[in-house]
N, C-alpha and C. Protein backbone atom coordinates (compact mmCIF):
# COMPACT_ATOMS: atom_id res chain seq x y z
N MET A 1 8.74 -10.13 13.77
CA MET A 1 8.43 -11.44 13.21
C MET A 1 8.36 -11.34 11.70
N GLY A 2 8.99 -12.26 11.00
CA GLY A 2 9.01 -12.24 9.55
C GLY A 2 7.69 -12.68 8.96
N LEU A 3 7.54 -12.44 7.71
CA LEU A 3 6.33 -12.80 7.00
C LEU A 3 6.26 -14.30 6.80
N VAL A 4 5.12 -14.89 7.16
CA VAL A 4 4.89 -16.31 6.94
C VAL A 4 3.94 -16.47 5.77
N ILE A 5 4.36 -17.17 4.74
CA ILE A 5 3.50 -17.38 3.58
C ILE A 5 2.64 -18.61 3.81
N PRO A 6 1.30 -18.48 3.78
CA PRO A 6 0.44 -19.63 3.97
C PRO A 6 0.77 -20.75 3.00
N ARG A 7 0.73 -21.99 3.49
CA ARG A 7 1.11 -23.14 2.67
C ARG A 7 0.26 -23.26 1.41
N ALA A 8 -1.00 -22.85 1.52
CA ALA A 8 -1.88 -22.97 0.36
C ALA A 8 -1.35 -22.17 -0.82
N TRP A 9 -0.70 -21.04 -0.55
CA TRP A 9 -0.15 -20.23 -1.63
C TRP A 9 0.98 -20.98 -2.31
N LEU A 10 1.83 -21.60 -1.49
CA LEU A 10 2.97 -22.30 -2.05
C LEU A 10 2.54 -23.51 -2.86
N ARG A 11 1.53 -24.22 -2.37
CA ARG A 11 1.03 -25.39 -3.10
C ARG A 11 0.48 -24.97 -4.45
N ALA A 12 -0.17 -23.84 -4.48
CA ALA A 12 -0.77 -23.38 -5.74
C ALA A 12 0.28 -22.85 -6.70
N GLY A 13 1.47 -22.59 -6.19
CA GLY A 13 2.54 -22.08 -7.03
C GLY A 13 2.36 -20.64 -7.43
N LEU A 14 1.41 -19.95 -6.79
CA LEU A 14 1.11 -18.59 -7.20
C LEU A 14 2.23 -17.63 -6.85
N LEU A 15 2.69 -17.69 -5.62
CA LEU A 15 3.73 -16.76 -5.21
C LEU A 15 5.02 -17.04 -5.94
N LEU A 16 5.34 -18.33 -6.12
CA LEU A 16 6.57 -18.69 -6.82
C LEU A 16 6.54 -18.15 -8.24
N GLY A 17 5.41 -18.31 -8.91
CA GLY A 17 5.30 -17.82 -10.28
C GLY A 17 5.43 -16.32 -10.34
N LEU A 18 4.89 -15.63 -9.33
CA LEU A 18 4.98 -14.18 -9.30
C LEU A 18 6.42 -13.73 -9.16
N MET A 19 7.16 -14.36 -8.26
CA MET A 19 8.54 -13.97 -8.03
C MET A 19 9.42 -14.28 -9.25
N MET A 20 9.15 -15.40 -9.91
CA MET A 20 9.96 -15.78 -11.07
C MET A 20 9.73 -14.84 -12.24
N SER A 21 8.56 -14.19 -12.25
CA SER A 21 8.26 -13.30 -13.37
C SER A 21 8.75 -11.89 -13.13
N ALA A 22 9.47 -11.67 -12.03
CA ALA A 22 9.93 -10.33 -11.68
C ALA A 22 10.84 -9.77 -12.78
N THR A 23 10.68 -8.50 -13.05
CA THR A 23 11.49 -7.83 -14.06
C THR A 23 12.34 -6.78 -13.38
N PRO A 24 13.47 -6.36 -14.00
CA PRO A 24 14.31 -5.33 -13.40
C PRO A 24 13.51 -4.06 -13.15
N MET A 25 13.76 -3.43 -11.99
CA MET A 25 13.00 -2.26 -11.62
C MET A 25 13.50 -1.04 -12.38
N GLU A 26 12.54 -0.23 -12.83
CA GLU A 26 12.87 1.04 -13.47
C GLU A 26 12.12 2.14 -12.74
N LYS A 27 12.71 3.32 -12.68
CA LYS A 27 12.07 4.44 -12.03
C LYS A 27 12.03 5.62 -12.98
N ALA A 28 10.97 6.41 -12.86
CA ALA A 28 10.86 7.61 -13.69
C ALA A 28 11.88 8.64 -13.21
N SER A 29 12.30 9.49 -14.12
CA SER A 29 13.32 10.48 -13.78
C SER A 29 12.73 11.78 -13.23
N ALA A 30 11.49 12.08 -13.58
CA ALA A 30 10.90 13.35 -13.16
C ALA A 30 10.31 13.23 -11.76
N ASP A 31 10.47 14.29 -10.96
CA ASP A 31 9.90 14.32 -9.62
C ASP A 31 8.44 14.76 -9.65
N ALA A 32 8.09 15.66 -10.56
CA ALA A 32 6.73 16.17 -10.64
C ALA A 32 5.90 15.28 -11.56
N VAL A 33 4.72 14.88 -11.09
CA VAL A 33 3.92 13.91 -11.82
C VAL A 33 2.47 14.35 -11.85
N PHE A 34 1.86 14.37 -13.03
CA PHE A 34 0.44 14.60 -13.12
C PHE A 34 -0.30 13.39 -12.58
N GLY A 35 -1.41 13.64 -11.86
CA GLY A 35 -2.19 12.54 -11.32
C GLY A 35 -1.71 12.08 -9.97
N ALA A 36 -0.70 12.76 -9.40
CA ALA A 36 -0.21 12.40 -8.08
C ALA A 36 -0.98 13.16 -7.01
N MET A 37 -1.05 12.60 -5.82
CA MET A 37 -1.68 13.28 -4.70
C MET A 37 -0.80 14.44 -4.24
N ALA A 38 -1.44 15.47 -3.72
CA ALA A 38 -0.72 16.53 -3.04
C ALA A 38 -0.89 16.31 -1.54
N THR A 39 0.20 16.35 -0.81
CA THR A 39 0.13 16.14 0.63
C THR A 39 0.50 17.41 1.36
N GLY A 40 -0.01 17.52 2.59
CA GLY A 40 0.21 18.72 3.37
C GLY A 40 1.05 18.47 4.61
N GLN A 41 0.56 19.00 5.72
CA GLN A 41 1.29 18.94 6.97
C GLN A 41 1.28 17.53 7.56
N ARG A 42 2.13 17.36 8.54
CA ARG A 42 2.19 16.10 9.26
C ARG A 42 0.83 15.82 9.89
N SER A 43 0.40 14.56 9.86
CA SER A 43 -0.91 14.16 10.36
C SER A 43 -0.75 13.18 11.52
N SER A 44 -1.85 12.96 12.22
CA SER A 44 -1.83 11.98 13.31
C SER A 44 -1.63 10.58 12.74
N ILE A 45 -1.03 9.71 13.53
CA ILE A 45 -0.76 8.33 13.12
C ILE A 45 -1.95 7.46 13.52
N PRO A 46 -2.49 6.67 12.62
CA PRO A 46 -3.60 5.78 12.99
C PRO A 46 -3.22 4.89 14.17
N VAL A 47 -4.16 4.69 15.09
CA VAL A 47 -3.85 3.92 16.29
C VAL A 47 -3.39 2.52 15.95
N GLY A 48 -3.94 1.94 14.90
CA GLY A 48 -3.52 0.60 14.49
C GLY A 48 -2.07 0.56 14.06
N HIS A 49 -1.63 1.63 13.42
CA HIS A 49 -0.23 1.69 12.99
C HIS A 49 0.70 1.93 14.18
N VAL A 50 0.24 2.69 15.16
CA VAL A 50 1.03 2.90 16.38
C VAL A 50 1.32 1.56 17.04
N GLU A 51 0.28 0.74 17.19
CA GLU A 51 0.46 -0.56 17.83
C GLU A 51 1.30 -1.49 16.95
N PHE A 52 1.11 -1.42 15.64
CA PHE A 52 1.92 -2.23 14.72
C PHE A 52 3.39 -1.88 14.88
N CYS A 53 3.69 -0.59 15.02
CA CYS A 53 5.08 -0.15 15.13
C CYS A 53 5.71 -0.58 16.46
N ARG A 54 4.91 -0.76 17.47
CA ARG A 54 5.45 -1.27 18.73
C ARG A 54 5.90 -2.71 18.59
N ARG A 55 5.20 -3.45 17.75
CA ARG A 55 5.55 -4.86 17.54
C ARG A 55 6.59 -5.03 16.45
N HIS A 56 6.62 -4.12 15.50
CA HIS A 56 7.55 -4.20 14.36
C HIS A 56 8.32 -2.88 14.26
N ALA A 57 9.06 -2.56 15.29
CA ALA A 57 9.70 -1.24 15.39
C ALA A 57 10.60 -0.93 14.21
N SER A 58 11.34 -1.93 13.74
CA SER A 58 12.29 -1.68 12.65
C SER A 58 11.60 -1.25 11.36
N GLU A 59 10.35 -1.69 11.17
CA GLU A 59 9.63 -1.33 9.95
C GLU A 59 9.15 0.12 9.96
N CYS A 60 9.17 0.73 11.12
CA CYS A 60 8.65 2.10 11.25
C CYS A 60 9.76 3.11 11.49
N ARG A 61 11.00 2.69 11.29
CA ARG A 61 12.15 3.58 11.48
C ARG A 61 12.96 3.74 10.20
N ILE A 62 12.34 3.46 9.08
CA ILE A 62 13.05 3.53 7.80
C ILE A 62 12.90 4.94 7.23
N ARG A 63 14.01 5.62 7.10
CA ARG A 63 14.02 6.97 6.53
C ARG A 63 14.85 6.97 5.25
N SER A 64 14.41 7.73 4.29
CA SER A 64 15.11 7.75 3.01
C SER A 64 14.92 9.10 2.33
N ASP A 65 15.81 9.39 1.40
CA ASP A 65 15.63 10.56 0.57
C ASP A 65 14.49 10.29 -0.41
N ARG A 66 13.94 11.33 -0.97
CA ARG A 66 12.88 11.15 -1.96
C ARG A 66 13.44 10.42 -3.16
N VAL A 67 12.70 9.44 -3.64
CA VAL A 67 13.14 8.68 -4.80
C VAL A 67 12.13 8.93 -5.93
N PRO A 68 12.55 8.77 -7.18
CA PRO A 68 11.62 8.95 -8.29
C PRO A 68 10.50 7.91 -8.22
N PRO A 69 9.32 8.24 -8.73
CA PRO A 69 8.24 7.27 -8.77
C PRO A 69 8.57 6.11 -9.70
N VAL A 70 7.87 5.02 -9.51
CA VAL A 70 8.08 3.83 -10.32
C VAL A 70 7.58 4.07 -11.75
N LEU A 71 8.31 3.58 -12.73
CA LEU A 71 7.88 3.66 -14.12
C LEU A 71 6.76 2.65 -14.35
N LEU A 72 5.58 3.14 -14.74
CA LEU A 72 4.42 2.27 -14.92
C LEU A 72 4.45 1.65 -16.32
N SER A 73 5.34 0.70 -16.51
CA SER A 73 5.45 -0.04 -17.76
C SER A 73 4.36 -1.10 -17.82
N ARG A 74 4.25 -1.78 -18.95
CA ARG A 74 3.29 -2.88 -19.08
C ARG A 74 3.60 -3.96 -18.04
N GLY A 75 4.89 -4.25 -17.88
CA GLY A 75 5.27 -5.26 -16.90
C GLY A 75 4.90 -4.86 -15.49
N MET A 76 5.06 -3.57 -15.16
CA MET A 76 4.71 -3.11 -13.82
C MET A 76 3.20 -3.16 -13.61
N GLU A 77 2.43 -2.79 -14.62
CA GLU A 77 0.97 -2.88 -14.52
C GLU A 77 0.55 -4.32 -14.22
N GLU A 78 1.16 -5.27 -14.91
CA GLU A 78 0.83 -6.67 -14.70
C GLU A 78 1.24 -7.13 -13.30
N LYS A 79 2.37 -6.63 -12.83
CA LYS A 79 2.84 -7.01 -11.50
C LYS A 79 1.88 -6.50 -10.42
N LEU A 80 1.46 -5.25 -10.52
CA LEU A 80 0.54 -4.69 -9.54
C LEU A 80 -0.79 -5.44 -9.56
N ALA A 81 -1.27 -5.75 -10.76
CA ALA A 81 -2.53 -6.49 -10.88
C ALA A 81 -2.40 -7.89 -10.31
N SER A 82 -1.27 -8.54 -10.55
CA SER A 82 -1.06 -9.91 -10.06
C SER A 82 -1.02 -9.96 -8.54
N VAL A 83 -0.31 -9.02 -7.94
CA VAL A 83 -0.23 -8.99 -6.47
C VAL A 83 -1.60 -8.69 -5.88
N THR A 84 -2.32 -7.75 -6.48
CA THR A 84 -3.65 -7.42 -5.99
C THR A 84 -4.57 -8.63 -6.02
N GLN A 85 -4.61 -9.32 -7.15
CA GLN A 85 -5.49 -10.48 -7.28
C GLN A 85 -5.07 -11.62 -6.37
N LEU A 86 -3.77 -11.85 -6.28
CA LEU A 86 -3.27 -12.94 -5.44
C LEU A 86 -3.66 -12.74 -3.98
N VAL A 87 -3.39 -11.55 -3.45
CA VAL A 87 -3.69 -11.29 -2.04
C VAL A 87 -5.20 -11.24 -1.81
N ASN A 88 -5.93 -10.56 -2.68
CA ASN A 88 -7.38 -10.45 -2.50
C ASN A 88 -8.07 -11.80 -2.49
N ARG A 89 -7.57 -12.73 -3.31
CA ARG A 89 -8.23 -14.03 -3.43
C ARG A 89 -7.70 -15.05 -2.42
N SER A 90 -6.61 -14.72 -1.76
CA SER A 90 -6.00 -15.67 -0.83
C SER A 90 -6.33 -15.37 0.63
N ILE A 91 -6.80 -14.16 0.90
CA ILE A 91 -7.11 -13.75 2.26
C ILE A 91 -8.62 -13.66 2.45
N LYS A 92 -9.11 -14.22 3.54
CA LYS A 92 -10.53 -14.13 3.87
C LYS A 92 -10.75 -12.89 4.72
N PRO A 93 -11.68 -12.01 4.32
CA PRO A 93 -11.91 -10.80 5.11
C PRO A 93 -12.62 -11.09 6.43
N VAL A 94 -11.95 -10.76 7.51
CA VAL A 94 -12.50 -10.94 8.85
C VAL A 94 -12.12 -9.70 9.66
N SER A 95 -13.03 -9.18 10.46
CA SER A 95 -12.77 -7.96 11.21
C SER A 95 -11.73 -8.17 12.30
N ASP A 96 -11.06 -7.08 12.66
CA ASP A 96 -10.08 -7.14 13.74
C ASP A 96 -10.74 -7.59 15.04
N PHE A 97 -11.96 -7.14 15.27
CA PHE A 97 -12.63 -7.50 16.52
C PHE A 97 -12.89 -9.00 16.60
N ALA A 98 -13.27 -9.60 15.46
CA ALA A 98 -13.54 -11.04 15.45
C ALA A 98 -12.28 -11.85 15.67
N VAL A 99 -11.15 -11.36 15.16
CA VAL A 99 -9.89 -12.11 15.26
C VAL A 99 -9.12 -11.78 16.53
N HIS A 100 -9.04 -10.48 16.86
CA HIS A 100 -8.18 -10.04 17.95
C HIS A 100 -8.93 -9.47 19.15
N GLY A 101 -10.24 -9.30 19.02
CA GLY A 101 -11.01 -8.77 20.14
C GLY A 101 -10.83 -7.28 20.35
N THR A 102 -10.35 -6.57 19.34
CA THR A 102 -10.18 -5.12 19.42
C THR A 102 -10.54 -4.51 18.07
N MET A 103 -10.90 -3.23 18.07
CA MET A 103 -11.39 -2.60 16.85
C MET A 103 -10.28 -2.38 15.83
N GLU A 104 -9.05 -2.14 16.28
CA GLU A 104 -7.95 -1.87 15.37
C GLU A 104 -6.72 -2.68 15.76
N PHE A 105 -6.32 -3.60 14.90
CA PHE A 105 -5.12 -4.40 15.14
C PHE A 105 -4.51 -4.72 13.78
N TRP A 106 -3.47 -3.97 13.41
CA TRP A 106 -2.83 -4.17 12.11
C TRP A 106 -1.79 -5.27 12.23
N SER A 107 -1.87 -6.22 11.31
CA SER A 107 -0.91 -7.33 11.35
C SER A 107 -0.83 -7.99 9.97
N TYR A 108 0.25 -8.74 9.75
CA TYR A 108 0.35 -9.53 8.53
C TYR A 108 -0.63 -10.70 8.62
N PRO A 109 -1.37 -10.99 7.55
CA PRO A 109 -2.39 -12.05 7.58
C PRO A 109 -1.78 -13.44 7.44
N ASP A 110 -0.96 -13.83 8.41
CA ASP A 110 -0.24 -15.09 8.33
C ASP A 110 -1.17 -16.31 8.30
N SER A 111 -2.38 -16.15 8.85
CA SER A 111 -3.34 -17.25 8.87
C SER A 111 -4.35 -17.15 7.73
N ALA A 112 -4.06 -16.29 6.75
CA ALA A 112 -4.90 -16.11 5.57
C ALA A 112 -6.27 -15.52 5.90
N ILE A 113 -6.34 -14.76 7.00
CA ILE A 113 -7.54 -13.99 7.33
C ILE A 113 -7.07 -12.60 7.77
N GLY A 114 -7.92 -11.59 7.58
CA GLY A 114 -7.52 -10.27 8.02
C GLY A 114 -8.45 -9.17 7.58
N ASP A 115 -8.20 -7.97 8.12
CA ASP A 115 -8.95 -6.77 7.80
C ASP A 115 -8.24 -6.03 6.67
N CYS A 116 -8.83 -4.90 6.23
CA CYS A 116 -8.28 -4.20 5.07
C CYS A 116 -6.82 -3.79 5.24
N GLU A 117 -6.44 -3.38 6.46
CA GLU A 117 -5.05 -2.97 6.68
C GLU A 117 -4.09 -4.15 6.50
N ASP A 118 -4.56 -5.34 6.82
CA ASP A 118 -3.71 -6.52 6.71
C ASP A 118 -3.43 -6.88 5.25
N TYR A 119 -4.43 -6.69 4.40
CA TYR A 119 -4.22 -6.85 2.95
C TYR A 119 -3.14 -5.87 2.48
N VAL A 120 -3.26 -4.63 2.95
CA VAL A 120 -2.30 -3.59 2.55
C VAL A 120 -0.89 -3.95 2.97
N LEU A 121 -0.73 -4.40 4.21
CA LEU A 121 0.60 -4.74 4.71
C LEU A 121 1.24 -5.85 3.89
N LEU A 122 0.45 -6.85 3.52
CA LEU A 122 1.01 -7.96 2.76
C LEU A 122 1.37 -7.54 1.33
N LYS A 123 0.50 -6.77 0.68
CA LYS A 123 0.81 -6.28 -0.67
C LYS A 123 2.07 -5.42 -0.65
N ARG A 124 2.16 -4.58 0.36
CA ARG A 124 3.33 -3.71 0.49
C ARG A 124 4.60 -4.53 0.67
N ARG A 125 4.55 -5.54 1.51
CA ARG A 125 5.72 -6.38 1.74
C ARG A 125 6.11 -7.12 0.46
N MET A 126 5.14 -7.69 -0.24
CA MET A 126 5.43 -8.45 -1.45
C MET A 126 6.04 -7.57 -2.54
N LEU A 127 5.49 -6.39 -2.73
CA LEU A 127 6.01 -5.50 -3.77
C LEU A 127 7.38 -4.96 -3.40
N ASN A 128 7.61 -4.74 -2.11
CA ASN A 128 8.94 -4.31 -1.67
C ASN A 128 9.97 -5.40 -1.92
N LEU A 129 9.59 -6.66 -1.69
CA LEU A 129 10.48 -7.77 -1.96
C LEU A 129 10.80 -7.89 -3.45
N GLU A 130 9.89 -7.37 -4.28
CA GLU A 130 10.11 -7.38 -5.72
C GLU A 130 10.97 -6.21 -6.19
N GLY A 131 11.37 -5.36 -5.26
CA GLY A 131 12.29 -4.29 -5.61
C GLY A 131 11.73 -2.89 -5.62
N ILE A 132 10.44 -2.73 -5.32
CA ILE A 132 9.86 -1.40 -5.28
C ILE A 132 10.17 -0.76 -3.93
N SER A 133 10.69 0.45 -3.96
CA SER A 133 11.05 1.16 -2.73
C SER A 133 9.83 1.42 -1.86
N LEU A 134 10.02 1.33 -0.54
CA LEU A 134 8.93 1.65 0.38
C LEU A 134 8.50 3.11 0.23
N SER A 135 9.37 3.95 -0.32
CA SER A 135 9.00 5.35 -0.57
C SER A 135 7.88 5.46 -1.59
N ASN A 136 7.69 4.43 -2.38
CA ASN A 136 6.63 4.41 -3.40
C ASN A 136 5.49 3.46 -3.04
N LEU A 137 5.52 2.92 -1.82
CA LEU A 137 4.48 1.99 -1.36
C LEU A 137 3.95 2.52 -0.03
N LEU A 138 2.82 3.21 -0.07
CA LEU A 138 2.38 3.98 1.08
C LEU A 138 1.01 3.52 1.58
N ILE A 139 0.96 3.14 2.86
CA ILE A 139 -0.32 2.82 3.49
C ILE A 139 -1.15 4.10 3.54
N THR A 140 -2.41 4.00 3.14
CA THR A 140 -3.24 5.19 2.97
C THR A 140 -4.61 4.98 3.60
N VAL A 141 -5.09 6.00 4.31
CA VAL A 141 -6.41 5.94 4.95
C VAL A 141 -7.39 6.77 4.14
N VAL A 142 -8.55 6.18 3.84
CA VAL A 142 -9.58 6.86 3.06
C VAL A 142 -10.93 6.70 3.74
N LYS A 143 -11.91 7.42 3.23
CA LYS A 143 -13.30 7.21 3.62
C LYS A 143 -14.06 6.73 2.40
N LYS A 144 -14.84 5.68 2.58
CA LYS A 144 -15.68 5.19 1.49
C LYS A 144 -16.91 6.09 1.34
N LYS A 145 -17.68 5.86 0.30
CA LYS A 145 -18.84 6.69 0.03
C LYS A 145 -19.85 6.65 1.17
N ASP A 146 -19.89 5.52 1.91
CA ASP A 146 -20.82 5.41 3.03
C ASP A 146 -20.27 6.02 4.32
N GLY A 147 -19.07 6.61 4.24
CA GLY A 147 -18.47 7.25 5.40
C GLY A 147 -17.59 6.36 6.25
N GLU A 148 -17.55 5.08 5.92
CA GLU A 148 -16.73 4.15 6.70
C GLU A 148 -15.26 4.30 6.36
N GLY A 149 -14.41 4.21 7.38
CA GLY A 149 -12.97 4.28 7.16
C GLY A 149 -12.46 3.03 6.48
N HIS A 150 -11.38 3.17 5.73
CA HIS A 150 -10.85 2.06 4.94
C HIS A 150 -9.37 2.32 4.69
N ALA A 151 -8.60 1.27 4.47
CA ALA A 151 -7.17 1.40 4.17
C ALA A 151 -6.87 0.78 2.81
N VAL A 152 -6.03 1.44 2.04
CA VAL A 152 -5.60 0.96 0.73
C VAL A 152 -4.09 1.18 0.62
N LEU A 153 -3.49 0.57 -0.39
CA LEU A 153 -2.07 0.79 -0.66
C LEU A 153 -1.92 1.72 -1.86
N THR A 154 -1.20 2.81 -1.68
CA THR A 154 -0.90 3.72 -2.77
C THR A 154 0.47 3.40 -3.35
N VAL A 155 0.54 3.28 -4.67
CA VAL A 155 1.80 3.07 -5.37
C VAL A 155 2.08 4.32 -6.20
N LYS A 156 3.19 4.97 -5.93
CA LYS A 156 3.56 6.19 -6.65
C LYS A 156 4.24 5.81 -7.97
N THR A 157 3.66 6.24 -9.09
CA THR A 157 4.22 5.93 -10.41
C THR A 157 4.40 7.21 -11.22
N ASP A 158 5.07 7.07 -12.35
CA ASP A 158 5.27 8.22 -13.23
C ASP A 158 3.99 8.66 -13.92
N LYS A 159 2.92 7.86 -13.80
CA LYS A 159 1.64 8.21 -14.40
C LYS A 159 0.61 8.56 -13.34
N GLY A 160 1.07 8.81 -12.14
CA GLY A 160 0.18 9.17 -11.05
C GLY A 160 0.18 8.14 -9.95
N ASP A 161 -0.59 8.42 -8.91
CA ASP A 161 -0.67 7.52 -7.76
C ASP A 161 -1.80 6.52 -7.95
N TYR A 162 -1.45 5.25 -7.92
CA TYR A 162 -2.42 4.18 -8.14
C TYR A 162 -2.73 3.46 -6.84
N VAL A 163 -3.94 2.92 -6.76
CA VAL A 163 -4.44 2.33 -5.53
C VAL A 163 -4.67 0.84 -5.69
N LEU A 164 -4.17 0.07 -4.73
CA LEU A 164 -4.44 -1.37 -4.63
C LEU A 164 -5.40 -1.56 -3.47
N ASP A 165 -6.54 -2.20 -3.74
CA ASP A 165 -7.66 -2.23 -2.82
C ASP A 165 -8.17 -3.66 -2.65
N ASN A 166 -8.45 -4.07 -1.43
CA ASN A 166 -8.97 -5.42 -1.22
C ASN A 166 -10.44 -5.54 -1.61
N LEU A 167 -11.11 -4.43 -1.85
CA LEU A 167 -12.52 -4.46 -2.25
C LEU A 167 -12.69 -4.51 -3.76
N ASN A 168 -11.58 -4.42 -4.49
CA ASN A 168 -11.64 -4.37 -5.95
C ASN A 168 -10.32 -4.86 -6.51
N ASP A 169 -10.37 -5.78 -7.47
CA ASP A 169 -9.14 -6.30 -8.08
C ASP A 169 -8.53 -5.33 -9.08
N GLU A 170 -9.29 -4.32 -9.49
CA GLU A 170 -8.79 -3.37 -10.48
C GLU A 170 -7.86 -2.35 -9.83
N VAL A 171 -6.68 -2.17 -10.41
CA VAL A 171 -5.73 -1.16 -9.93
C VAL A 171 -6.11 0.17 -10.57
N LYS A 172 -6.52 1.14 -9.74
CA LYS A 172 -7.06 2.40 -10.26
C LYS A 172 -6.21 3.60 -9.85
N LEU A 173 -6.25 4.63 -10.70
CA LEU A 173 -5.71 5.92 -10.31
C LEU A 173 -6.50 6.41 -9.11
N TRP A 174 -5.84 7.00 -8.15
CA TRP A 174 -6.50 7.35 -6.89
C TRP A 174 -7.74 8.22 -7.09
N SER A 175 -7.70 9.13 -8.07
CA SER A 175 -8.81 10.04 -8.31
C SER A 175 -10.01 9.35 -8.95
N LYS A 176 -9.86 8.09 -9.33
CA LYS A 176 -10.96 7.35 -9.97
C LYS A 176 -11.63 6.36 -9.01
N THR A 177 -11.22 6.35 -7.76
CA THR A 177 -11.74 5.35 -6.82
C THR A 177 -13.07 5.73 -6.19
N GLY A 178 -13.38 7.01 -6.13
CA GLY A 178 -14.59 7.45 -5.45
C GLY A 178 -14.42 7.62 -3.96
N TYR A 179 -13.21 7.40 -3.46
CA TYR A 179 -12.94 7.56 -2.04
C TYR A 179 -12.56 9.00 -1.71
N ARG A 180 -12.71 9.35 -0.44
CA ARG A 180 -12.16 10.60 0.07
C ARG A 180 -10.84 10.26 0.76
N PHE A 181 -9.76 10.82 0.28
CA PHE A 181 -8.44 10.48 0.79
C PHE A 181 -8.07 11.40 1.95
N LEU A 182 -7.69 10.80 3.09
CA LEU A 182 -7.45 11.54 4.31
C LEU A 182 -5.97 11.73 4.63
N LYS A 183 -5.23 10.63 4.69
CA LYS A 183 -3.81 10.72 5.05
C LYS A 183 -3.09 9.45 4.61
N ARG A 184 -1.76 9.55 4.57
CA ARG A 184 -0.97 8.40 4.18
C ARG A 184 0.42 8.50 4.82
N GLN A 185 1.16 7.42 4.72
CA GLN A 185 2.54 7.45 5.18
C GLN A 185 3.34 8.47 4.38
N SER A 186 4.32 9.07 5.03
CA SER A 186 5.26 9.92 4.33
C SER A 186 6.13 9.06 3.42
N SER A 187 6.53 9.61 2.30
CA SER A 187 7.39 8.87 1.39
C SER A 187 8.85 8.88 1.83
N THR A 188 9.16 9.63 2.89
CA THR A 188 10.54 9.69 3.37
C THR A 188 10.73 9.13 4.77
N ASP A 189 9.63 8.71 5.41
CA ASP A 189 9.72 8.21 6.79
C ASP A 189 8.55 7.27 7.03
N THR A 190 8.82 5.97 7.19
CA THR A 190 7.75 4.99 7.32
C THR A 190 6.97 5.13 8.62
N GLY A 191 7.49 5.88 9.59
CA GLY A 191 6.79 6.07 10.84
C GLY A 191 6.03 7.38 10.93
N ARG A 192 6.02 8.14 9.85
CA ARG A 192 5.37 9.44 9.84
C ARG A 192 4.19 9.43 8.87
N TRP A 193 3.16 10.20 9.18
CA TRP A 193 1.99 10.30 8.31
C TRP A 193 1.75 11.76 7.93
N VAL A 194 1.21 11.97 6.74
CA VAL A 194 0.93 13.32 6.25
C VAL A 194 -0.50 13.39 5.73
N ALA A 195 -1.08 14.58 5.81
CA ALA A 195 -2.43 14.80 5.32
C ALA A 195 -2.43 14.83 3.80
N ILE A 196 -3.54 14.40 3.21
CA ILE A 196 -3.71 14.43 1.76
C ILE A 196 -4.66 15.57 1.40
N LEU A 197 -4.25 16.39 0.45
CA LEU A 197 -5.07 17.50 -0.01
C LEU A 197 -5.94 17.01 -1.16
N GLU A 198 -7.20 17.34 -1.13
CA GLU A 198 -8.14 16.82 -2.12
C GLU A 198 -8.10 17.58 -3.43
N TYR A 199 -6.94 17.50 -4.10
CA TYR A 199 -6.82 18.08 -5.44
C TYR A 199 -6.68 16.94 -6.44
N ARG A 200 -7.28 17.09 -7.59
CA ARG A 200 -7.26 16.05 -8.61
C ARG A 200 -6.36 16.45 -9.78
N ASP A 201 -5.54 15.51 -10.24
CA ASP A 201 -4.75 15.71 -11.45
C ASP A 201 -3.95 17.02 -11.44
N VAL A 202 -3.27 17.27 -10.33
CA VAL A 202 -2.45 18.46 -10.25
C VAL A 202 -0.99 18.09 -10.44
N LEU A 203 -0.20 19.07 -10.82
CA LEU A 203 1.23 18.85 -10.97
C LEU A 203 1.87 18.98 -9.59
N VAL A 204 2.52 17.92 -9.15
CA VAL A 204 3.05 17.88 -7.80
C VAL A 204 4.56 17.78 -7.85
N GLY A 205 5.22 18.64 -7.10
CA GLY A 205 6.67 18.56 -6.98
C GLY A 205 7.03 17.83 -5.71
N ALA A 206 7.59 18.54 -4.74
CA ALA A 206 7.96 17.94 -3.46
C ALA A 206 6.70 17.85 -2.61
N VAL A 207 6.15 16.65 -2.48
CA VAL A 207 4.86 16.50 -1.84
C VAL A 207 4.95 16.10 -0.38
N ASP A 208 6.04 15.51 0.06
CA ASP A 208 6.14 15.08 1.46
C ASP A 208 7.25 15.85 2.15
């Protein structure tokens, strides 16, 4: 099922303005980046993503060669901030259990309500439509300071891996979030997940 944009967004002109402001995509040339996460072995797939892939099989079968990280220009910084604010302010946070009657149900927030994973899916879709490769847009599982599990979107850039979070409008370098990073999608296979090694500001070459 394709993405349905809530009418309220269109009336406000927010999404239209975002798309019209799109700039040509640029990518960094270097593969090794300071501030990037180091990833390890293949990891288990979150149950919510397993079920999501059953409903959206084509989205979980995308394989690609490693691509350079996105160039974090001023325009790109503004784009990431705009998407974060737009989605965070347009979606009402509601638990999966309240909406779907189950603890984990990942879906696009077509009705403008959703859990943290749903914010991530929408941001990922919007940024991909703007030309950012899915190899640089990775669903990521973390633990908050209180121990609760949480999902964020990682964007791989030439200045490190940045996080888009529904709990905060600020786009932060992953090492500045205060989260414990557990695993994320592979950058070469949308249906595969890899463990994240808890190293900060290391030089990373081939990470996935």
